[in-house]
Amino acid sequence: MSKTNIDISGSSFLIKSTAKTHGFSYCGIAEAIELKAESGFLESWLKNAYHSRLSYMERNIAKRTNPRLLLEEAKSIIVLAMNYYPGEIFQQFTKYRIARYALGNDYHLVLKEKSEKMINEIQKEYSANFFSTFIDSAPIMEKAWAVRSGLGSIGKNGLLIIPGAGSYFSLCVIITDMPLEYDKPFAKDLCGNCNKCMDSCPVSAIAAPGVVDAGKCISALTIESKSHQDETFKYSLYNWIFGCDICQEVCPLNKLSKPSTEKAFTPYTFFKEITDEQWENMTENEFKSLFSKSPLKRMTYKGIMRNIQMNK
């Protein structure tokens, strides 16, 4: 079908139904326009140095808030969300904690494969159009686009919260030159007067509602810090060695979370059985064998062992 002969409603329905058949929990669509309000938030966040060691956030600011500077012919933003909540209790025999999103295969790999298969199917009908998929691979404000596409709101912990489903979701963004039927931006405040995430963060990393200080955030510390001498290790890691879920664990809205049906996110059996001693005595070869498809691979063996040592 040509670019000039597109049934906007029908094509939007096809995209959403195809997303569902490929395992995505939610799909929203927004017009590819400049994020003016969000641009002000980003500038303020950077001005206050809340990005800390995340120096890449200082680059490509204009592209980060305007998708048409990233892809000139962009007309629509498709936002996909996939549930990763493991459901069962894991890590019962060790104090060392891993964030829930990292208990199974790396979401970057999982979402990329599924979104590319989804695109291949859509392009059988719309071969003249382009679809570019991004999972943390370009300067895109995924959570802002999730709100713009009607999926949910940004909670006080800075995470996307989907009404009736919680915040345990990984996001994927597809940019296309197709004009589509756009969802209404999500306007409701889901947090209300609740401050449990802010009150429960042991390092006070939530500087204000929706504003996270990466210089204090345990998740950022465990993943982005590169050396033992990093001055930010004056903060305790509270037994976390990769990521942190505290602000999600205390969120009342996550009581509605349901276990993911995505097999690739099934937690490794390893996490049900691992003890402190096994973590502390793990060899590099064991690490590489266990985590070849895991997000932990990004951290490397030395990084994980560094975090274990910091928690002893």
C-alpha atoms as a PDB file:
ATOM      1  CA  MET A   1       0.000   0.000   0.000  1.00  0.00           C
ATOM      2  CA  SER A   2       1.357   3.449  -0.894  1.00  0.00           C
ATOM      3  CA  LYS A   3       2.112   6.166   1.627  1.00  0.00           C
ATOM      4  CA  THR A   4      -0.708   8.280   0.241  1.00  0.00           C
ATOM      5  CA  ASN A   5      -3.339   5.578   0.427  1.00  0.00           C
ATOM      6  CA  ILE A   6      -3.464   4.645   4.117  1.00  0.00           C
ATOM      7  CA  ASP A   7      -6.557   3.834   6.149  1.00  0.00           C
ATOM      8  CA  ILE A   8      -5.483   5.533   9.386  1.00  0.00           C
ATOM      9  CA  SER A   9      -7.980   3.744  11.620  1.00  0.00           C
ATOM     10  CA  GLY A  10      -7.463   0.366  10.006  1.00  0.00           C
ATOM     11  CA  SER A  11      -3.678   0.603  10.045  1.00  0.00           C
ATOM     12  CA  SER A  12      -3.696   1.588  13.723  1.00  0.00           C
ATOM     13  CA  PHE A  13      -5.902  -1.400  14.530  1.00  0.00           C
ATOM     14  CA  LEU A  14      -3.564  -3.681  12.568  1.00  0.00           C
ATOM     15  CA  ILE A  15      -0.521  -2.382  14.458  1.00  0.00           C
ATOM     16  CA  LYS A  16      -2.144  -2.871  17.869  1.00  0.00           C
ATOM     17  CA  SER A  17      -3.486  -6.322  17.073  1.00  0.00           C
ATOM     18  CA  THR A  18      -0.104  -7.377  15.653  1.00  0.00           C
ATOM     19  CA  ALA A  19       1.622  -6.102  18.802  1.00  0.00           C
ATOM     20  CA  LYS A  20      -0.676  -8.278  20.886  1.00  0.00           C
ATOM     21  CA  THR A  21      -0.021 -11.402  18.816  1.00  0.00           C
ATOM     22  CA  HIS A  22       3.725 -10.857  19.303  1.00  0.00           C
ATOM     23  CA  GLY A  23       3.425 -10.815  23.082  1.00  0.00           C
ATOM     24  CA  PHE A  24       3.296  -7.128  23.924  1.00  0.00           C
ATOM     25  CA  SER A  25       1.036  -6.326  26.864  1.00  0.00           C
ATOM     26  CA  TYR A  26       0.119  -2.808  25.754  1.00  0.00           C
ATOM     27  CA  CYS A  27       0.421  -0.662  22.641  1.00  0.00           C
ATOM     28  CA  GLY A  28      -0.214   3.075  22.370  1.00  0.00           C
ATOM     29  CA  ILE A  29       0.277   5.515  19.491  1.00  0.00           C
ATOM     30  CA  ALA A  30       1.189   9.216  19.597  1.00  0.00           C
ATOM     31  CA  GLU A  31       1.916  11.872  17.014  1.00  0.00           C
ATOM     32  CA  ALA A  32       5.631  12.474  16.453  1.00  0.00           C
ATOM     33  CA  ILE A  33       5.839  16.071  17.643  1.00  0.00           C
ATOM     34  CA  GLU A  34       8.249  18.001  19.829  1.00  0.00           C
ATOM     35  CA  LEU A  35       7.959  17.292  23.562  1.00  0.00           C
ATOM     36  CA  LYS A  36       7.995  20.901  24.721  1.00  0.00           C
ATOM     37  CA  ALA A  37       6.795  20.416  28.313  1.00  0.00           C
ATOM     38  CA  GLU A  38       9.031  17.402  28.798  1.00  0.00           C
ATOM     39  CA  SER A  39      11.964  19.374  27.379  1.00  0.00           C
ATOM     40  CA  GLY A  40      11.693  21.821  30.271  1.00  0.00           C
ATOM     41  CA  PHE A  41      11.710  18.963  32.773  1.00  0.00           C
ATOM     42  CA  LEU A  42      14.809  17.448  31.154  1.00  0.00           C
ATOM     43  CA  GLU A  43      16.669  20.763  31.150  1.00  0.00           C
ATOM     44  CA  SER A  44      15.872  21.312  34.839  1.00  0.00           C
ATOM     45  CA  TRP A  45      16.962  17.757  35.709  1.00  0.00           C
ATOM     46  CA  LEU A  46      20.282  18.261  33.941  1.00  0.00           C
ATOM     47  CA  LYS A  47      20.777  21.725  35.435  1.00  0.00           C
ATOM     48  CA  ASN A  48      20.465  20.211  38.919  1.00  0.00           C
ATOM     49  CA  ALA A  49      23.036  17.546  37.940  1.00  0.00           C
ATOM     50  CA  TYR A  50      20.623  14.753  38.813  1.00  0.00           C
ATOM     51  CA  HIS A  51      22.036  12.796  35.874  1.00  0.00           C
ATOM     52  CA  SER A  52      25.326  12.419  37.798  1.00  0.00           C
ATOM     53  CA  ARG A  53      27.517   9.877  35.960  1.00  0.00           C
ATOM     54  CA  LEU A  54      24.949   9.444  33.162  1.00  0.00           C
ATOM     55  CA  SER A  55      26.891  11.851  30.955  1.00  0.00           C
ATOM     56  CA  TYR A  56      25.200  10.583  27.791  1.00  0.00           C
ATOM     57  CA  MET A  57      22.037  12.385  28.938  1.00  0.00           C
ATOM     58  CA  GLU A  58      23.786  15.693  28.213  1.00  0.00           C
ATOM     59  CA  ARG A  59      24.121  14.787  24.536  1.00  0.00           C
ATOM     60  CA  ASN A  60      21.523  15.041  21.768  1.00  0.00           C
ATOM     61  CA  ILE A  61      19.061  16.968  23.945  1.00  0.00           C
ATOM     62  CA  ALA A  62      17.193  18.377  20.936  1.00  0.00           C
ATOM     63  CA  LYS A  63      16.839  14.919  19.383  1.00  0.00           C
ATOM     64  CA  ARG A  64      15.754  13.515  22.737  1.00  0.00           C
ATOM     65  CA  THR A  65      12.713  15.784  22.742  1.00  0.00           C
ATOM     66  CA  ASN A  66      11.980  15.973  19.013  1.00  0.00           C
ATOM     67  CA  PRO A  67      11.756  12.672  17.096  1.00  0.00           C
ATOM     68  CA  ARG A  68      11.732  14.489  13.752  1.00  0.00           C
ATOM     69  CA  LEU A  69      15.329  15.492  14.387  1.00  0.00           C
ATOM     70  CA  LEU A  70      16.105  11.804  14.860  1.00  0.00           C
ATOM     71  CA  LEU A  71      14.151  10.652  11.793  1.00  0.00           C
ATOM     72  CA  GLU A  72      13.117  13.528   9.551  1.00  0.00           C
ATOM     73  CA  GLU A  73       9.958  11.948   8.109  1.00  0.00           C
ATOM     74  CA  ALA A  74       8.660  10.668  11.452  1.00  0.00           C
ATOM     75  CA  LYS A  75       4.902  11.040  11.839  1.00  0.00           C
ATOM     76  CA  SER A  76       3.954   8.552  14.553  1.00  0.00           C
ATOM     77  CA  ILE A  77       5.417   7.035  17.702  1.00  0.00           C
ATOM     78  CA  ILE A  78       4.323   3.519  18.612  1.00  0.00           C
ATOM     79  CA  VAL A  79       5.004   2.584  22.238  1.00  0.00           C
ATOM     80  CA  LEU A  80       5.034  -1.055  23.292  1.00  0.00           C
ATOM     81  CA  ALA A  81       5.077  -2.325  26.869  1.00  0.00           C
ATOM     82  CA  MET A  82       5.857  -5.871  27.952  1.00  0.00           C
ATOM     83  CA  ASN A  83       5.248  -7.250  31.430  1.00  0.00           C
ATOM     84  CA  TYR A  84       8.316  -8.779  33.114  1.00  0.00           C
ATOM     85  CA  TYR A  85       6.898  -9.327  36.627  1.00  0.00           C
ATOM     86  CA  PRO A  86       8.145 -12.755  37.801  1.00  0.00           C
ATOM     87  CA  GLY A  87       5.304 -13.406  40.255  1.00  0.00           C
ATOM     88  CA  GLU A  88       6.942 -16.008  42.452  1.00  0.00           C
ATOM     89  CA  ILE A  89       9.372 -15.282  45.268  1.00  0.00           C
ATOM     90  CA  PHE A  90      12.991 -15.617  44.242  1.00  0.00           C
ATOM     91  CA  GLN A  91      16.360 -15.104  45.909  1.00  0.00           C
ATOM     92  CA  GLN A  92      15.165 -16.583  49.212  1.00  0.00           C
ATOM     93  CA  PHE A  93      18.509 -18.041  50.274  1.00  0.00           C
ATOM     94  CA  THR A  94      20.744 -15.038  49.728  1.00  0.00           C
ATOM     95  CA  LYS A  95      20.896 -11.451  50.906  1.00  0.00           C
ATOM     96  CA  TYR A  96      22.246 -10.304  47.526  1.00  0.00           C
ATOM     97  CA  ARG A  97      19.443  -8.814  45.424  1.00  0.00           C
ATOM     98  CA  ILE A  98      18.861  -8.575  41.701  1.00  0.00           C
ATOM     99  CA  ALA A  99      16.154  -6.333  40.231  1.00  0.00           C
ATOM    100  CA  ARG A 100      13.182  -8.293  38.922  1.00  0.00           C
ATOM    101  CA  TYR A 101      13.670  -7.196  35.332  1.00  0.00           C
ATOM    102  CA  ALA A 102      17.041  -8.952  35.323  1.00  0.00           C
ATOM    103  CA  LEU A 103      15.928 -12.386  36.581  1.00  0.00           C
ATOM    104  CA  GLY A 104      15.360 -13.705  33.043  1.00  0.00           C
ATOM    105  CA  ASN A 105      16.759 -12.932  29.609  1.00  0.00           C
ATOM    106  CA  ASP A 106      17.847  -9.405  28.691  1.00  0.00           C
ATOM    107  CA  TYR A 107      14.770  -7.352  27.751  1.00  0.00           C
ATOM    108  CA  HIS A 108      16.787  -5.482  25.116  1.00  0.00           C
ATOM    109  CA  LEU A 109      17.236  -8.721  23.180  1.00  0.00           C
ATOM    110  CA  VAL A 110      13.702  -9.987  23.798  1.00  0.00           C
ATOM    111  CA  LEU A 111      11.911  -6.770  22.787  1.00  0.00           C
ATOM    112  CA  LYS A 112      14.159  -6.171  19.803  1.00  0.00           C
ATOM    113  CA  GLU A 113      13.493  -9.616  18.373  1.00  0.00           C
ATOM    114  CA  LYS A 114       9.735  -9.386  18.943  1.00  0.00           C
ATOM    115  CA  SER A 115       9.389  -5.825  17.644  1.00  0.00           C
ATOM    116  CA  GLU A 116      11.360  -6.657  14.488  1.00  0.00           C
ATOM    117  CA  LYS A 117       9.123  -9.663  13.814  1.00  0.00           C
ATOM    118  CA  MET A 118       6.118  -7.419  14.408  1.00  0.00           C
ATOM    119  CA  ILE A 119       7.461  -4.853  11.929  1.00  0.00           C
ATOM    120  CA  ASN A 120       8.143  -7.532   9.308  1.00  0.00           C
ATOM    121  CA  GLU A 121       4.525  -8.615   9.558  1.00  0.00           C
ATOM    122  CA  ILE A 122       3.169  -5.055   9.331  1.00  0.00           C
ATOM    123  CA  GLN A 123       5.327  -4.277   6.307  1.00  0.00           C
ATOM    124  CA  LYS A 124       3.690  -7.058   4.358  1.00  0.00           C
ATOM    125  CA  GLU A 125       0.756  -4.647   4.230  1.00  0.00           C
ATOM    126  CA  TYR A 126       2.688  -1.351   4.337  1.00  0.00           C
ATOM    127  CA  SER A 127       5.898  -2.042   2.458  1.00  0.00           C
ATOM    128  CA  ALA A 128       6.336   1.590   1.380  1.00  0.00           C
ATOM    129  CA  ASN A 129       6.658   2.832   4.964  1.00  0.00           C
ATOM    130  CA  PHE A 130       9.587   2.671   7.352  1.00  0.00           C
ATOM    131  CA  PHE A 131       9.454   1.439  10.934  1.00  0.00           C
ATOM    132  CA  SER A 132      12.491   1.885  13.198  1.00  0.00           C
ATOM    133  CA  THR A 133      12.574   0.156  16.564  1.00  0.00           C
ATOM    134  CA  PHE A 134      14.474   1.414  19.622  1.00  0.00           C
ATOM    135  CA  ILE A 135      15.062  -0.184  23.029  1.00  0.00           C
ATOM    136  CA  ASP A 136      17.369   2.162  24.958  1.00  0.00           C
ATOM    137  CA  SER A 137      19.360   2.502  21.743  1.00  0.00           C
ATOM    138  CA  ALA A 138      18.699   6.145  20.818  1.00  0.00           C
ATOM    139  CA  PRO A 139      18.029   9.486  22.543  1.00  0.00           C
ATOM    140  CA  ILE A 140      14.301   8.889  23.043  1.00  0.00           C
ATOM    141  CA  MET A 141      12.205   9.695  26.131  1.00  0.00           C
ATOM    142  CA  GLU A 142      10.368   6.362  26.228  1.00  0.00           C
ATOM    143  CA  LYS A 143       8.347   7.045  29.361  1.00  0.00           C
ATOM    144  CA  ALA A 144       7.229  10.455  28.126  1.00  0.00           C
ATOM    145  CA  TRP A 145       6.023   8.878  24.895  1.00  0.00           C
ATOM    146  CA  ALA A 146       4.241   6.163  26.870  1.00  0.00           C
ATOM    147  CA  VAL A 147       2.258   8.910  28.618  1.00  0.00           C
ATOM    148  CA  ARG A 148       1.637  10.717  25.319  1.00  0.00           C
ATOM    149  CA  SER A 149       0.339   7.477  23.791  1.00  0.00           C
ATOM    150  CA  GLY A 150      -2.101   6.916  26.651  1.00  0.00           C
ATOM    151  CA  LEU A 151      -0.461   3.946  28.365  1.00  0.00           C
ATOM    152  CA  GLY A 152      -0.149   5.428  31.858  1.00  0.00           C
ATOM    153  CA  SER A 153       1.434   8.115  33.998  1.00  0.00           C
ATOM    154  CA  ILE A 154       4.869   8.771  35.465  1.00  0.00           C
ATOM    155  CA  GLY A 155       4.802   7.899  39.170  1.00  0.00           C
ATOM    156  CA  LYS A 156       6.584   9.749  41.928  1.00  0.00           C
ATOM    157  CA  ASN A 157       9.375   7.182  41.574  1.00  0.00           C
ATOM    158  CA  GLY A 158       9.930   8.315  37.979  1.00  0.00           C
ATOM    159  CA  LEU A 159       8.635   5.066  36.497  1.00  0.00           C
ATOM    160  CA  LEU A 160       5.756   4.485  34.121  1.00  0.00           C
ATOM    161  CA  ILE A 161       2.695   3.151  35.932  1.00  0.00           C
ATOM    162  CA  ILE A 162       0.009   1.479  33.841  1.00  0.00           C
ATOM    163  CA  PRO A 163      -3.440   1.692  35.471  1.00  0.00           C
ATOM    164  CA  GLY A 164      -4.598  -1.656  36.785  1.00  0.00           C
ATOM    165  CA  ALA A 165      -1.264  -3.280  35.985  1.00  0.00           C
ATOM    166  CA  GLY A 166       1.543  -1.480  37.859  1.00  0.00           C
ATOM    167  CA  SER A 167       5.069  -0.583  36.797  1.00  0.00           C
ATOM    168  CA  TYR A 168       6.874  -3.854  36.069  1.00  0.00           C
ATOM    169  CA  PHE A 169       7.093  -3.233  32.322  1.00  0.00           C
ATOM    170  CA  SER A 170       9.868  -2.895  29.742  1.00  0.00           C
ATOM    171  CA  LEU A 171       9.340  -0.384  26.940  1.00  0.00           C
ATOM    172  CA  CYS A 172      10.040  -0.356  23.230  1.00  0.00           C
ATOM    173  CA  VAL A 173       9.508   2.581  20.849  1.00  0.00           C
ATOM    174  CA  ILE A 174       8.865   2.305  17.115  1.00  0.00           C
ATOM    175  CA  ILE A 175       9.082   5.428  14.957  1.00  0.00           C
ATOM    176  CA  THR A 176       7.307   5.388  11.612  1.00  0.00           C
ATOM    177  CA  ASP A 177       6.479   7.732   8.732  1.00  0.00           C
ATOM    178  CA  MET A 178       2.884   6.469   8.746  1.00  0.00           C
ATOM    179  CA  PRO A 179       0.145   8.853   9.880  1.00  0.00           C
ATOM    180  CA  LEU A 180      -1.953   6.924  12.388  1.00  0.00           C
ATOM    181  CA  GLU A 181      -4.890   7.280  14.737  1.00  0.00           C
ATOM    182  CA  TYR A 182      -3.472   8.746  17.934  1.00  0.00           C
ATOM    183  CA  ASP A 183      -4.428   7.831  21.492  1.00  0.00           C
ATOM    184  CA  LYS A 184      -5.234  10.532  23.998  1.00  0.00           C
ATOM    185  CA  PRO A 185      -2.359  11.361  26.377  1.00  0.00           C
ATOM    186  CA  PHE A 186      -2.838   9.893  29.844  1.00  0.00           C
ATOM    187  CA  ALA A 187      -3.776  12.793  32.112  1.00  0.00           C
ATOM    188  CA  LYS A 188      -4.766  11.157  35.413  1.00  0.00           C
ATOM    189  CA  ASP A 189      -2.484  11.260  38.482  1.00  0.00           C
ATOM    190  CA  LEU A 190      -2.295   7.677  39.734  1.00  0.00           C
ATOM    191  CA  CYS A 191      -0.210   8.435  42.840  1.00  0.00           C
ATOM    192  CA  GLY A 192      -2.408  10.979  44.591  1.00  0.00           C
ATOM    193  CA  ASN A 193      -1.202  11.696  48.126  1.00  0.00           C
ATOM    194  CA  CYS A 194       0.807   8.471  48.368  1.00  0.00           C
ATOM    195  CA  ASN A 195       4.519   9.016  49.082  1.00  0.00           C
ATOM    196  CA  LYS A 196       5.557   5.450  49.918  1.00  0.00           C
ATOM    197  CA  CYS A 197       8.217   5.278  47.230  1.00  0.00           C
ATOM    198  CA  MET A 198       9.768   8.561  48.336  1.00  0.00           C
ATOM    199  CA  ASP A 199       9.620   7.662  52.023  1.00  0.00           C
ATOM    200  CA  SER A 200      10.960   4.129  51.483  1.00  0.00           C
ATOM    201  CA  CYS A 201      13.996   4.920  49.341  1.00  0.00           C
ATOM    202  CA  PRO A 202      16.856   4.312  51.811  1.00  0.00           C
ATOM    203  CA  VAL A 203      19.170   6.799  50.071  1.00  0.00           C
ATOM    204  CA  SER A 204      16.552   9.528  49.422  1.00  0.00           C
ATOM    205  CA  ALA A 205      17.156   9.304  45.682  1.00  0.00           C
ATOM    206  CA  ILE A 206      13.716  10.678  44.802  1.00  0.00           C
ATOM    207  CA  ALA A 207      14.445  14.393  45.074  1.00  0.00           C
ATOM    208  CA  ALA A 208      10.862  15.417  44.272  1.00  0.00           C
ATOM    209  CA  PRO A 209       7.804  13.669  42.817  1.00  0.00           C
ATOM    210  CA  GLY A 210       8.957  12.154  39.535  1.00  0.00           C
ATOM    211  CA  VAL A 211      12.522  13.448  39.946  1.00  0.00           C
ATOM    212  CA  VAL A 212      15.222  10.812  40.541  1.00  0.00           C
ATOM    213  CA  ASP A 213      18.771  11.753  41.512  1.00  0.00           C
ATOM    214  CA  ALA A 214      20.929   9.215  39.653  1.00  0.00           C
ATOM    215  CA  GLY A 215      23.870  10.167  41.865  1.00  0.00           C
ATOM    216  CA  LYS A 216      22.098   8.521  44.799  1.00  0.00           C
ATOM    217  CA  CYS A 217      19.881   5.917  43.098  1.00  0.00           C
ATOM    218  CA  ILE A 218      20.968   2.382  44.044  1.00  0.00           C
ATOM    219  CA  SER A 219      20.029   1.058  40.616  1.00  0.00           C
ATOM    220  CA  ALA A 220      22.289   3.597  38.916  1.00  0.00           C
ATOM    221  CA  LEU A 221      25.070   3.024  41.443  1.00  0.00           C
ATOM    222  CA  THR A 222      25.122  -0.747  40.947  1.00  0.00           C
ATOM    223  CA  ILE A 223      25.035  -0.580  37.149  1.00  0.00           C
ATOM    224  CA  GLU A 224      26.693   2.681  36.057  1.00  0.00           C
ATOM    225  CA  SER A 225      29.551   2.998  38.572  1.00  0.00           C
ATOM    226  CA  LYS A 226      32.773   1.650  37.125  1.00  0.00           C
ATOM    227  CA  SER A 227      35.298   1.504  39.957  1.00  0.00           C
ATOM    228  CA  HIS A 228      35.772   0.779  43.664  1.00  0.00           C
ATOM    229  CA  GLN A 229      36.971   4.329  44.126  1.00  0.00           C
ATOM    230  CA  ASP A 230      33.768   5.940  42.851  1.00  0.00           C
ATOM    231  CA  GLU A 231      32.956   8.579  45.468  1.00  0.00           C
ATOM    232  CA  THR A 232      29.238   7.772  45.261  1.00  0.00           C
ATOM    233  CA  PHE A 233      29.893   4.517  47.089  1.00  0.00           C
ATOM    234  CA  LYS A 234      29.632   6.513  50.274  1.00  0.00           C
ATOM    235  CA  TYR A 235      26.000   5.377  50.020  1.00  0.00           C
ATOM    236  CA  SER A 236      25.089   1.846  51.052  1.00  0.00           C
ATOM    237  CA  LEU A 237      23.794  -0.478  48.344  1.00  0.00           C
ATOM    238  CA  TYR A 238      21.461  -2.236  50.839  1.00  0.00           C
ATOM    239  CA  ASN A 239      22.380  -5.685  49.465  1.00  0.00           C
ATOM    240  CA  TRP A 240      21.497  -4.841  45.860  1.00  0.00           C
ATOM    241  CA  ILE A 241      24.110  -6.002  43.359  1.00  0.00           C
ATOM    242  CA  PHE A 242      22.244  -5.243  40.102  1.00  0.00           C
ATOM    243  CA  GLY A 243      19.468  -2.677  39.984  1.00  0.00           C
ATOM    244  CA  CYS A 244      16.965  -1.988  42.762  1.00  0.00           C
ATOM    245  CA  ASP A 245      13.206  -2.547  43.172  1.00  0.00           C
ATOM    246  CA  ILE A 246      12.503  -0.874  46.519  1.00  0.00           C
ATOM    247  CA  CYS A 247      10.392   1.961  45.097  1.00  0.00           C
ATOM    248  CA  GLN A 248       8.361  -0.584  43.123  1.00  0.00           C
ATOM    249  CA  GLU A 249       8.018  -3.076  45.958  1.00  0.00           C
ATOM    250  CA  VAL A 250       6.317  -0.520  48.216  1.00  0.00           C
ATOM    251  CA  CYS A 251       4.028   0.904  45.511  1.00  0.00           C
ATOM    252  CA  PRO A 252       0.381   0.012  46.288  1.00  0.00           C
ATOM    253  CA  LEU A 253      -0.406   0.042  42.576  1.00  0.00           C
ATOM    254  CA  ASN A 254       1.931  -2.923  42.056  1.00  0.00           C
ATOM    255  CA  LYS A 255      -0.384  -5.097  44.131  1.00  0.00           C
ATOM    256  CA  LEU A 256      -2.273  -5.404  40.857  1.00  0.00           C
ATOM    257  CA  SER A 257       0.751  -6.789  39.014  1.00  0.00           C
ATOM    258  CA  LYS A 258       0.249 -10.152  37.344  1.00  0.00           C
ATOM    259  CA  PRO A 259       3.003 -12.626  36.423  1.00  0.00           C
ATOM    260  CA  SER A 260       4.414 -12.264  32.928  1.00  0.00           C
ATOM    261  CA  THR A 261       3.502 -14.902  30.364  1.00  0.00           C
ATOM    262  CA  GLU A 262       6.651 -14.211  28.327  1.00  0.00           C
ATOM    263  CA  LYS A 263       8.834 -17.338  28.527  1.00  0.00           C
ATOM    264  CA  ALA A 264      12.033 -15.393  27.861  1.00  0.00           C
ATOM    265  CA  PHE A 265      11.429 -13.474  31.103  1.00  0.00           C
ATOM    266  CA  THR A 266      11.035 -16.636  33.181  1.00  0.00           C
ATOM    267  CA  PRO A 267      13.550 -16.268  36.041  1.00  0.00           C
ATOM    268  CA  TYR A 268      16.532 -18.566  35.864  1.00  0.00           C
ATOM    269  CA  THR A 269      16.287 -21.523  38.249  1.00  0.00           C
ATOM    270  CA  PHE A 270      19.634 -20.306  39.552  1.00  0.00           C
ATOM    271  CA  PHE A 271      17.901 -17.425  41.344  1.00  0.00           C
ATOM    272  CA  LYS A 272      15.682 -19.783  43.332  1.00  0.00           C
ATOM    273  CA  GLU A 273      18.646 -21.670  44.747  1.00  0.00           C
ATOM    274  CA  ILE A 274      21.641 -19.299  44.977  1.00  0.00           C
ATOM    275  CA  THR A 275      23.222 -18.661  48.393  1.00  0.00           C
ATOM    276  CA  ASP A 276      25.550 -15.905  49.618  1.00  0.00           C
ATOM    277  CA  GLU A 277      28.482 -18.312  49.498  1.00  0.00           C
ATOM    278  CA  GLN A 278      27.770 -19.280  45.888  1.00  0.00           C
ATOM    279  CA  TRP A 279      27.638 -15.634  44.832  1.00  0.00           C
ATOM    280  CA  GLU A 280      30.853 -14.811  46.683  1.00  0.00           C
ATOM    281  CA  ASN A 281      32.758 -17.798  45.264  1.00  0.00           C
ATOM    282  CA  MET A 282      31.454 -17.615  41.688  1.00  0.00           C
ATOM    283  CA  THR A 283      34.166 -17.881  39.030  1.00  0.00           C
ATOM    284  CA  GLU A 284      34.298 -15.796  35.885  1.00  0.00           C
ATOM    285  CA  ASN A 285      33.628 -18.864  33.736  1.00  0.00           C
ATOM    286  CA  GLU A 286      30.530 -19.677  35.811  1.00  0.00           C
ATOM    287  CA  PHE A 287      29.331 -16.104  35.458  1.00  0.00           C
ATOM    288  CA  LYS A 288      29.747 -16.144  31.674  1.00  0.00           C
ATOM    289  CA  SER A 289      27.974 -19.492  31.388  1.00  0.00           C
ATOM    290  CA  LEU A 290      25.040 -18.466  33.604  1.00  0.00           C
ATOM    291  CA  PHE A 291      24.457 -14.970  32.260  1.00  0.00           C
ATOM    292  CA  SER A 292      25.222 -15.089  28.519  1.00  0.00           C
ATOM    293  CA  LYS A 293      21.670 -13.861  27.733  1.00  0.00           C
ATOM    294  CA  SER A 294      21.106 -11.914  30.957  1.00  0.00           C
ATOM    295  CA  PRO A 295      21.239  -8.150  31.616  1.00  0.00           C
ATOM    296  CA  LEU A 296      23.971  -8.978  34.162  1.00  0.00           C
ATOM    297  CA  LYS A 297      26.309  -9.637  31.242  1.00  0.00           C
ATOM    298  CA  ARG A 298      26.384  -5.865  30.682  1.00  0.00           C
ATOM    299  CA  MET A 299      27.810  -5.378  34.174  1.00  0.00           C
ATOM    300  CA  THR A 300      30.584  -7.955  33.652  1.00  0.00           C
ATOM    301  CA  TYR A 301      31.916 -10.403  36.224  1.00  0.00           C
ATOM    302  CA  LYS A 302      34.214  -7.804  37.800  1.00  0.00           C
ATOM    303  CA  GLY A 303      31.364  -5.349  38.216  1.00  0.00           C
ATOM    304  CA  ILE A 304      29.068  -7.859  39.926  1.00  0.00           C
ATOM    305  CA  MET A 305      31.858  -9.056  42.204  1.00  0.00           C
ATOM    306  CA  ARG A 306      32.626  -5.422  43.030  1.00  0.00           C
ATOM    307  CA  ASN A 307      29.007  -4.911  44.082  1.00  0.00           C
ATOM    308  CA  ILE A 308      29.043  -8.092  46.160  1.00  0.00           C
ATOM    309  CA  GLN A 309      32.184  -6.886  47.920  1.00  0.00           C
ATOM    310  CA  MET A 310      30.527  -3.509  48.610  1.00  0.00           C
ATOM    311  CA  ASN A 311      27.632  -5.314  50.292  1.00  0.00           C
ATOM    312  CA  LYS A 312      29.685  -7.605  52.524  1.00  0.00           C
END
